Amino acid sequence: MRTAKSVLFIATFLVGFAFGGFSLYVAQAEGLFGLTPSALTGSLSKIGTALVEMQKNVDALQHNMATVKNEKDHLGSFIPEGTSKEGEAIKKMIPGLGK
């Protein structure tokens, strides 16, 4: 009886395994990470566009920083010679502020 159950169990497993193997589909590669080439090209072009836009923003920021530095240097030339700090020069220029 015990061997009959074992044989029945093994036979059932093998039949299920065989039918399960027949119903599997063959996988087909679609591209890098499962993406189609057209989807991949669209994503790469969007990334490229974003990078170019970011570079333009960085260039504009560097230009603005250079402008601010030039203006700071220009305003620094107005500080009187006897002052040790920039804030003291403003206090001396505005009456009543240094008290």
Protein backbone atom coordinates (compact mmCIF):
# COMPACT_ATOMS: atom_id res chain seq x y z
CA MET A 1 0.00 0.00 0.00
CA ARG A 2 2.79 2.38 0.90
CA THR A 3 4.67 1.71 -2.32
CA ALA A 4 1.47 2.13 -4.35
CA LYS A 5 0.95 5.62 -2.86
CA SER A 6 4.58 6.48 -3.57
CA VAL A 7 4.32 5.29 -7.17
CA LEU A 8 1.02 7.18 -7.63
CA PHE A 9 2.55 10.34 -6.15
CA ILE A 10 5.65 10.14 -8.38
CA ALA A 11 3.52 9.40 -11.48
CA THR A 12 1.24 12.38 -10.74
CA PHE A 13 4.26 14.63 -10.26
CA LEU A 14 5.85 13.53 -13.56
CA VAL A 15 2.60 13.99 -15.53
CA GLY A 16 2.16 17.48 -14.06
CA PHE A 17 5.77 18.32 -14.73
CA ALA A 18 5.49 17.19 -18.35
CA PHE A 19 2.28 19.13 -19.06
CA GLY A 20 3.68 22.18 -17.30
CA GLY A 21 6.74 22.08 -19.51
CA PHE A 22 4.63 21.94 -22.69
CA SER A 23 2.62 25.01 -21.76
CA LEU A 24 5.67 27.27 -21.28
CA TYR A 25 6.26 29.99 -23.82
CA VAL A 26 9.62 30.72 -25.36
CA ALA A 27 11.09 33.99 -24.14
CA GLN A 28 12.25 36.55 -26.69
CA ALA A 29 14.77 39.26 -25.99
CA GLU A 30 13.39 42.73 -26.65
CA GLY A 31 16.47 44.81 -26.04
CA LEU A 32 18.51 46.26 -23.21
CA PHE A 33 16.72 45.58 -19.89
CA GLY A 34 13.62 44.43 -21.77
CA LEU A 35 13.14 47.77 -23.56
CA THR A 36 12.40 47.97 -27.23
CA PRO A 37 14.93 49.93 -29.32
CA SER A 38 12.42 52.71 -30.06
CA ALA A 39 11.59 53.17 -26.36
CA LEU A 40 15.29 53.15 -25.52
CA THR A 41 16.06 55.80 -28.13
CA GLY A 42 13.26 58.04 -26.85
CA SER A 43 14.50 57.76 -23.27
CA LEU A 44 18.08 58.50 -24.27
CA SER A 45 17.05 61.55 -26.25
CA LYS A 46 15.09 62.88 -23.26
CA ILE A 47 18.10 62.35 -21.00
CA GLY A 48 20.36 64.07 -23.52
CA THR A 49 18.00 67.04 -23.79
CA ALA A 50 17.83 67.33 -20.00
CA LEU A 51 21.64 67.25 -19.73
CA VAL A 52 22.05 69.99 -22.33
CA GLU A 53 19.49 72.15 -20.52
CA MET A 54 21.23 71.55 -17.20
CA GLN A 55 24.58 72.56 -18.73
CA LYS A 56 23.02 75.80 -20.01
CA ASN A 57 21.72 76.54 -16.51
CA VAL A 58 25.15 75.89 -14.98
CA ASP A 59 26.78 78.20 -17.53
CA ALA A 60 24.27 80.94 -16.76
CA LEU A 61 24.85 80.49 -13.02
CA GLN A 62 28.62 80.77 -13.48
CA HIS A 63 28.12 83.94 -15.51
CA ASN A 64 25.92 85.40 -12.75
CA MET A 65 28.47 84.44 -10.09
CA ALA A 66 31.20 86.21 -12.06
CA THR A 67 28.99 89.31 -12.30
CA VAL A 68 28.35 89.28 -8.54
CA LYS A 69 32.08 88.91 -7.84
CA ASN A 70 32.92 91.82 -10.14
CA GLU A 71 30.29 94.03 -8.50
CA LYS A 72 31.55 93.06 -5.03
CA ASP A 73 35.09 93.98 -6.04
CA HIS A 74 33.81 97.25 -7.50
CA LEU A 75 31.90 98.11 -4.32
CA GLY A 76 34.93 97.14 -2.23
CA SER A 77 36.92 99.88 -3.88
CA PHE A 78 34.64 102.45 -2.19
CA ILE A 79 35.64 101.39 1.36
CA PRO A 80 37.61 104.15 3.10
CA GLU A 81 41.22 103.38 3.99
CA GLY A 82 41.01 103.61 7.78
CA THR A 83 38.44 100.85 8.30
CA SER A 84 39.25 97.26 9.17
CA LYS A 85 35.84 95.76 8.40
CA GLU A 86 33.43 96.38 5.54
CA GLY A 87 30.58 97.04 7.97
CA GLU A 88 32.48 99.86 9.67
CA ALA A 89 32.73 101.76 6.39
CA ILE A 90 28.95 101.73 6.00
CA LYS A 91 28.52 102.90 9.59
CA LYS A 92 30.86 105.83 8.94
CA MET A 93 29.09 106.77 5.68
CA ILE A 94 25.58 106.91 7.21
CA PRO A 95 25.23 109.58 9.91
CA GLY A 96 23.89 108.31 13.23
CA LEU A 97 24.37 104.62 12.43
CA GLY A 98 27.73 104.21 14.16
CA LYS A 99 26.51 105.41 17.59
